[in-house]
N, C-alpha and C. Protein backbone atom coordinates (compact mmCIF):
# COMPACT_ATOMS: atom_id res chain seq x y z
N UNK A 1 42.85 -86.84 -58.62
CA UNK A 1 42.59 -85.86 -57.58
C UNK A 1 41.21 -86.15 -56.99
N UNK A 2 41.12 -86.14 -55.67
CA UNK A 2 39.81 -86.26 -55.04
C UNK A 2 39.33 -84.87 -54.61
N UNK A 3 38.15 -84.81 -54.09
CA UNK A 3 37.53 -83.53 -53.76
C UNK A 3 38.31 -82.79 -52.68
N UNK A 4 38.73 -83.48 -51.66
CA UNK A 4 39.49 -82.83 -50.59
C UNK A 4 40.79 -82.25 -51.13
N UNK A 5 41.47 -82.97 -52.01
CA UNK A 5 42.70 -82.46 -52.62
C UNK A 5 42.42 -81.22 -53.46
N UNK A 6 41.31 -81.24 -54.17
CA UNK A 6 40.90 -80.09 -54.97
C UNK A 6 40.73 -78.87 -54.08
N UNK A 7 40.02 -79.03 -52.98
CA UNK A 7 39.80 -77.92 -52.05
C UNK A 7 41.11 -77.43 -51.45
N UNK A 8 42.01 -78.34 -51.16
CA UNK A 8 43.33 -77.94 -50.64
C UNK A 8 44.07 -77.09 -51.68
N UNK A 9 43.99 -77.52 -52.93
CA UNK A 9 44.67 -76.83 -54.03
C UNK A 9 44.18 -75.39 -54.20
N UNK A 10 42.89 -75.18 -53.97
CA UNK A 10 42.32 -73.84 -54.16
C UNK A 10 42.26 -73.04 -52.87
N UNK A 11 42.68 -73.64 -51.76
CA UNK A 11 42.60 -72.95 -50.47
C UNK A 11 41.17 -72.84 -49.98
N UNK A 12 40.34 -73.82 -50.37
CA UNK A 12 38.93 -73.80 -49.97
C UNK A 12 38.71 -74.41 -48.60
N UNK A 13 37.51 -74.27 -48.10
CA UNK A 13 37.15 -74.77 -46.77
C UNK A 13 36.37 -76.07 -46.91
N UNK A 14 37.09 -77.15 -47.18
CA UNK A 14 36.48 -78.45 -47.42
C UNK A 14 35.73 -78.96 -46.20
N UNK A 15 36.33 -78.83 -45.03
CA UNK A 15 35.70 -79.37 -43.82
C UNK A 15 34.35 -78.72 -43.55
N UNK A 16 34.26 -77.43 -43.73
CA UNK A 16 32.99 -76.72 -43.51
C UNK A 16 31.92 -77.18 -44.49
N UNK A 17 32.29 -77.24 -45.76
CA UNK A 17 31.33 -77.63 -46.79
C UNK A 17 30.93 -79.10 -46.61
N UNK A 18 31.86 -79.94 -46.22
CA UNK A 18 31.54 -81.34 -45.98
C UNK A 18 30.57 -81.48 -44.81
N UNK A 19 30.79 -80.69 -43.77
CA UNK A 19 29.88 -80.74 -42.61
C UNK A 19 28.48 -80.30 -43.00
N UNK A 20 28.36 -79.31 -43.87
CA UNK A 20 27.04 -78.82 -44.28
C UNK A 20 26.36 -79.75 -45.27
N UNK A 21 27.11 -80.32 -46.21
CA UNK A 21 26.51 -81.16 -47.25
C UNK A 21 26.37 -82.61 -46.81
N UNK A 22 27.21 -83.05 -45.88
CA UNK A 22 27.07 -84.38 -45.31
C UNK A 22 27.80 -85.51 -46.00
N UNK A 23 28.25 -85.31 -47.23
CA UNK A 23 29.00 -86.38 -47.90
C UNK A 23 29.90 -85.79 -48.98
N UNK A 24 31.00 -86.48 -49.23
CA UNK A 24 31.91 -86.03 -50.28
C UNK A 24 31.23 -86.09 -51.64
N UNK A 25 30.35 -87.05 -51.83
CA UNK A 25 29.64 -87.17 -53.11
C UNK A 25 28.84 -85.91 -53.41
N UNK A 26 28.12 -85.39 -52.41
CA UNK A 26 27.34 -84.17 -52.61
C UNK A 26 28.25 -82.95 -52.81
N UNK A 27 29.31 -82.88 -52.03
CA UNK A 27 30.25 -81.76 -52.20
C UNK A 27 30.79 -81.76 -53.63
N UNK A 28 31.20 -82.92 -54.09
CA UNK A 28 31.76 -83.04 -55.44
C UNK A 28 30.72 -82.65 -56.49
N UNK A 29 29.51 -83.17 -56.34
CA UNK A 29 28.45 -82.89 -57.32
C UNK A 29 28.19 -81.39 -57.42
N UNK A 30 28.03 -80.73 -56.28
CA UNK A 30 27.72 -79.29 -56.30
C UNK A 30 28.93 -78.46 -56.71
N UNK A 31 30.11 -78.86 -56.30
CA UNK A 31 31.32 -78.12 -56.69
C UNK A 31 31.47 -78.15 -58.21
N UNK A 32 31.27 -79.31 -58.81
CA UNK A 32 31.42 -79.42 -60.26
C UNK A 32 30.33 -78.67 -61.02
N UNK A 33 29.17 -78.47 -60.40
CA UNK A 33 28.12 -77.67 -61.04
C UNK A 33 28.57 -76.23 -61.25
N UNK A 34 29.53 -75.79 -60.44
CA UNK A 34 30.03 -74.42 -60.58
C UNK A 34 30.57 -74.18 -61.99
N UNK A 35 31.13 -75.21 -62.60
CA UNK A 35 31.68 -75.06 -63.95
C UNK A 35 30.62 -74.67 -64.98
N UNK A 36 29.35 -74.93 -64.69
CA UNK A 36 28.26 -74.61 -65.60
C UNK A 36 27.66 -73.22 -65.35
N UNK A 37 28.04 -72.61 -64.25
CA UNK A 37 27.47 -71.31 -63.89
C UNK A 37 28.01 -70.22 -64.83
N UNK A 38 27.15 -69.31 -65.24
CA UNK A 38 27.53 -68.26 -66.18
C UNK A 38 27.82 -66.90 -65.52
N UNK A 39 27.81 -66.85 -64.21
CA UNK A 39 27.94 -65.57 -63.52
C UNK A 39 29.25 -64.85 -63.83
N UNK A 40 30.33 -65.59 -63.97
CA UNK A 40 31.61 -64.94 -64.27
C UNK A 40 31.55 -64.31 -65.66
N UNK A 41 31.03 -65.02 -66.64
CA UNK A 41 30.87 -64.45 -67.99
C UNK A 41 29.92 -63.26 -67.96
N UNK A 42 28.86 -63.37 -67.17
CA UNK A 42 27.92 -62.25 -67.02
C UNK A 42 28.62 -61.02 -66.44
N UNK A 43 29.50 -61.25 -65.48
CA UNK A 43 30.24 -60.15 -64.86
C UNK A 43 31.12 -59.46 -65.91
N UNK A 44 31.85 -60.24 -66.68
CA UNK A 44 32.73 -59.66 -67.69
C UNK A 44 31.94 -58.86 -68.72
N UNK A 45 30.82 -59.41 -69.18
CA UNK A 45 30.00 -58.71 -70.18
C UNK A 45 29.43 -57.42 -69.59
N UNK A 46 28.99 -57.48 -68.35
CA UNK A 46 28.42 -56.28 -67.72
C UNK A 46 29.47 -55.18 -67.57
N UNK A 47 30.68 -55.57 -67.20
CA UNK A 47 31.73 -54.57 -67.06
C UNK A 47 32.13 -53.98 -68.41
N UNK A 48 32.19 -54.83 -69.43
CA UNK A 48 32.52 -54.35 -70.77
C UNK A 48 31.48 -53.37 -71.28
N UNK A 49 30.22 -53.60 -70.94
CA UNK A 49 29.16 -52.70 -71.40
C UNK A 49 28.86 -51.60 -70.38
N UNK A 50 29.65 -51.55 -69.31
CA UNK A 50 29.53 -50.53 -68.26
C UNK A 50 28.15 -50.56 -67.60
N UNK A 51 27.64 -51.75 -67.39
CA UNK A 51 26.35 -51.93 -66.73
C UNK A 51 26.63 -52.29 -65.26
N UNK A 52 26.71 -51.27 -64.43
CA UNK A 52 27.08 -51.45 -63.03
C UNK A 52 26.09 -52.33 -62.27
N UNK A 53 24.81 -52.19 -62.57
CA UNK A 53 23.80 -52.99 -61.87
C UNK A 53 23.95 -54.48 -62.19
N UNK A 54 24.13 -54.79 -63.47
CA UNK A 54 24.32 -56.20 -63.86
C UNK A 54 25.65 -56.73 -63.32
N UNK A 55 26.67 -55.90 -63.29
CA UNK A 55 27.96 -56.33 -62.74
C UNK A 55 27.82 -56.64 -61.25
N UNK A 56 27.09 -55.80 -60.54
CA UNK A 56 26.86 -56.06 -59.12
C UNK A 56 26.13 -57.38 -58.92
N UNK A 57 25.07 -57.61 -59.68
CA UNK A 57 24.31 -58.86 -59.55
C UNK A 57 25.19 -60.08 -59.80
N UNK A 58 26.02 -60.00 -60.83
CA UNK A 58 26.89 -61.13 -61.16
C UNK A 58 27.93 -61.35 -60.06
N UNK A 59 28.55 -60.27 -59.59
CA UNK A 59 29.55 -60.39 -58.52
C UNK A 59 28.90 -60.93 -57.25
N UNK A 60 27.71 -60.47 -56.96
CA UNK A 60 26.98 -60.93 -55.78
C UNK A 60 26.63 -62.42 -55.89
N UNK A 61 26.24 -62.85 -57.08
CA UNK A 61 25.93 -64.27 -57.31
C UNK A 61 27.19 -65.12 -57.13
N UNK A 62 28.30 -64.68 -57.69
CA UNK A 62 29.55 -65.42 -57.53
C UNK A 62 29.92 -65.51 -56.05
N UNK A 63 29.81 -64.41 -55.36
CA UNK A 63 30.12 -64.38 -53.93
C UNK A 63 29.25 -65.38 -53.17
N UNK A 64 27.96 -65.41 -53.44
CA UNK A 64 27.05 -66.33 -52.75
C UNK A 64 27.35 -67.78 -53.05
N UNK A 65 27.57 -68.09 -54.32
CA UNK A 65 27.91 -69.46 -54.69
C UNK A 65 29.19 -69.92 -53.99
N UNK A 66 30.18 -69.06 -54.02
CA UNK A 66 31.47 -69.41 -53.43
C UNK A 66 31.38 -69.54 -51.91
N UNK A 67 30.55 -68.74 -51.29
CA UNK A 67 30.34 -68.87 -49.85
C UNK A 67 29.72 -70.22 -49.53
N UNK A 68 28.68 -70.60 -50.28
CA UNK A 68 28.01 -71.87 -50.05
C UNK A 68 28.89 -73.08 -50.34
N UNK A 69 29.79 -72.94 -51.31
CA UNK A 69 30.62 -74.06 -51.73
C UNK A 69 32.00 -74.08 -51.07
N UNK A 70 32.30 -73.09 -50.23
CA UNK A 70 33.59 -73.08 -49.55
C UNK A 70 34.76 -72.71 -50.43
N UNK A 71 34.51 -71.97 -51.50
CA UNK A 71 35.57 -71.53 -52.41
C UNK A 71 36.10 -70.17 -51.90
N UNK A 72 36.92 -70.22 -50.89
CA UNK A 72 37.32 -69.06 -50.11
C UNK A 72 37.96 -67.94 -50.92
N UNK A 73 38.94 -68.26 -51.75
CA UNK A 73 39.67 -67.21 -52.47
C UNK A 73 38.74 -66.43 -53.41
N UNK A 74 37.92 -67.13 -54.16
CA UNK A 74 37.01 -66.44 -55.08
C UNK A 74 35.90 -65.74 -54.31
N UNK A 75 35.47 -66.32 -53.20
CA UNK A 75 34.47 -65.66 -52.35
C UNK A 75 35.01 -64.31 -51.88
N UNK A 76 36.25 -64.29 -51.40
CA UNK A 76 36.84 -63.03 -50.90
C UNK A 76 37.00 -62.01 -52.03
N UNK A 77 37.55 -62.45 -53.15
CA UNK A 77 37.79 -61.53 -54.27
C UNK A 77 36.48 -60.98 -54.83
N UNK A 78 35.49 -61.84 -55.00
CA UNK A 78 34.21 -61.36 -55.54
C UNK A 78 33.48 -60.51 -54.51
N UNK A 79 33.67 -60.80 -53.23
CA UNK A 79 33.07 -59.99 -52.18
C UNK A 79 33.62 -58.57 -52.17
N UNK A 80 34.93 -58.45 -52.36
CA UNK A 80 35.54 -57.11 -52.42
C UNK A 80 35.03 -56.34 -53.63
N UNK A 81 34.94 -57.02 -54.77
CA UNK A 81 34.42 -56.37 -55.97
C UNK A 81 32.96 -55.98 -55.77
N UNK A 82 32.20 -56.86 -55.17
CA UNK A 82 30.79 -56.61 -54.91
C UNK A 82 30.62 -55.34 -54.07
N UNK A 83 31.43 -55.21 -53.04
CA UNK A 83 31.33 -54.03 -52.16
C UNK A 83 31.71 -52.75 -52.90
N UNK A 84 32.70 -52.82 -53.77
CA UNK A 84 33.06 -51.64 -54.57
C UNK A 84 31.89 -51.24 -55.47
N UNK A 85 31.27 -52.22 -56.09
CA UNK A 85 30.13 -51.94 -56.96
C UNK A 85 28.94 -51.42 -56.16
N UNK A 86 28.72 -51.99 -54.98
CA UNK A 86 27.63 -51.54 -54.12
C UNK A 86 27.82 -50.08 -53.72
N UNK A 87 29.08 -49.69 -53.51
CA UNK A 87 29.39 -48.32 -53.11
C UNK A 87 29.33 -47.34 -54.28
N UNK A 88 29.08 -47.86 -55.47
CA UNK A 88 28.97 -46.99 -56.63
C UNK A 88 30.29 -46.63 -57.27
N UNK A 89 31.36 -47.33 -56.89
CA UNK A 89 32.66 -47.07 -57.51
C UNK A 89 32.62 -47.50 -58.97
N UNK A 90 33.31 -46.77 -59.76
CA UNK A 90 33.43 -47.13 -61.17
C UNK A 90 34.47 -48.26 -61.27
N UNK A 91 34.07 -49.36 -61.86
CA UNK A 91 34.93 -50.54 -61.96
C UNK A 91 35.01 -50.94 -63.42
N UNK A 92 36.22 -51.27 -63.86
CA UNK A 92 36.40 -51.74 -65.23
C UNK A 92 36.93 -53.17 -65.21
N UNK A 93 37.02 -53.77 -66.37
CA UNK A 93 37.46 -55.16 -66.47
C UNK A 93 38.82 -55.36 -65.80
N UNK A 94 39.72 -54.41 -65.95
CA UNK A 94 41.05 -54.54 -65.36
C UNK A 94 41.01 -54.60 -63.83
N UNK A 95 39.97 -54.03 -63.23
CA UNK A 95 39.83 -54.06 -61.77
C UNK A 95 39.44 -55.43 -61.24
N UNK A 96 39.15 -56.34 -62.14
CA UNK A 96 38.71 -57.67 -61.71
C UNK A 96 39.85 -58.68 -61.68
N UNK A 97 41.10 -58.23 -61.74
CA UNK A 97 42.23 -59.16 -61.74
C UNK A 97 42.20 -60.17 -60.60
N UNK A 98 41.93 -59.76 -59.34
CA UNK A 98 41.87 -60.76 -58.27
C UNK A 98 40.75 -61.79 -58.50
N UNK A 99 39.62 -61.34 -59.02
CA UNK A 99 38.52 -62.26 -59.31
C UNK A 99 38.92 -63.20 -60.44
N UNK A 100 39.50 -62.64 -61.48
CA UNK A 100 39.92 -63.44 -62.64
C UNK A 100 40.94 -64.51 -62.23
N UNK A 101 41.91 -64.12 -61.42
CA UNK A 101 42.94 -65.06 -60.98
C UNK A 101 42.35 -66.18 -60.12
N UNK A 102 41.51 -65.82 -59.17
CA UNK A 102 40.88 -66.83 -58.30
C UNK A 102 39.95 -67.72 -59.11
N UNK A 103 39.25 -67.14 -60.07
CA UNK A 103 38.33 -67.91 -60.91
C UNK A 103 39.11 -68.93 -61.74
N UNK A 104 40.22 -68.50 -62.33
CA UNK A 104 41.03 -69.42 -63.14
C UNK A 104 41.58 -70.57 -62.30
N UNK A 105 42.11 -70.23 -61.13
CA UNK A 105 42.65 -71.26 -60.23
C UNK A 105 41.57 -72.26 -59.87
N UNK A 106 40.40 -71.75 -59.51
CA UNK A 106 39.29 -72.60 -59.12
C UNK A 106 38.82 -73.48 -60.28
N UNK A 107 38.56 -72.89 -61.43
CA UNK A 107 38.03 -73.68 -62.54
C UNK A 107 39.05 -74.69 -63.04
N UNK A 108 40.33 -74.36 -63.04
CA UNK A 108 41.35 -75.33 -63.44
C UNK A 108 41.35 -76.53 -62.49
N UNK A 109 41.24 -76.27 -61.19
CA UNK A 109 41.21 -77.36 -60.21
C UNK A 109 39.94 -78.19 -60.37
N UNK A 110 38.81 -77.53 -60.60
CA UNK A 110 37.55 -78.27 -60.78
C UNK A 110 37.58 -79.12 -62.05
N UNK A 111 38.20 -78.63 -63.09
CA UNK A 111 38.33 -79.42 -64.32
C UNK A 111 39.19 -80.65 -64.06
N UNK A 112 40.27 -80.47 -63.30
CA UNK A 112 41.10 -81.63 -62.95
C UNK A 112 40.29 -82.63 -62.12
N UNK A 113 39.50 -82.13 -61.18
CA UNK A 113 38.66 -83.01 -60.37
C UNK A 113 37.67 -83.76 -61.26
N UNK A 114 37.00 -83.04 -62.12
CA UNK A 114 36.01 -83.65 -63.03
C UNK A 114 36.67 -84.72 -63.90
N UNK A 115 37.83 -84.40 -64.44
CA UNK A 115 38.50 -85.33 -65.34
C UNK A 115 39.06 -86.56 -64.63
N UNK A 116 39.23 -86.46 -63.33
CA UNK A 116 39.75 -87.60 -62.57
C UNK A 116 38.64 -88.52 -62.06
N UNK A 117 37.38 -88.12 -62.26
CA UNK A 117 36.24 -88.91 -61.79
C UNK A 117 36.04 -90.15 -62.62
């Protein structure tokens, strides 16, 4: 799998990210760095401990990373969660199903990309 195929698989915006980063090598390097980010784990821990402020920070970080990297599905899901948290809505782990699903799809595709390098 190459980087463009990975982005197609996740419904990401490869063309936009390629235009901003300038090369597939850079897109690939930064996309794969996402696998090392702890924001998703931070979000889960914050929700389990009912720490709304930490959950908001984690969701906001995920949203920003995904915006910069063109990971559209997770960007949208984390953005919706972020807005709920910003509005002060009570959110539990079960409310993160769209984020969890998009995160799994994304990380599985990135692992395939990494393993094909």
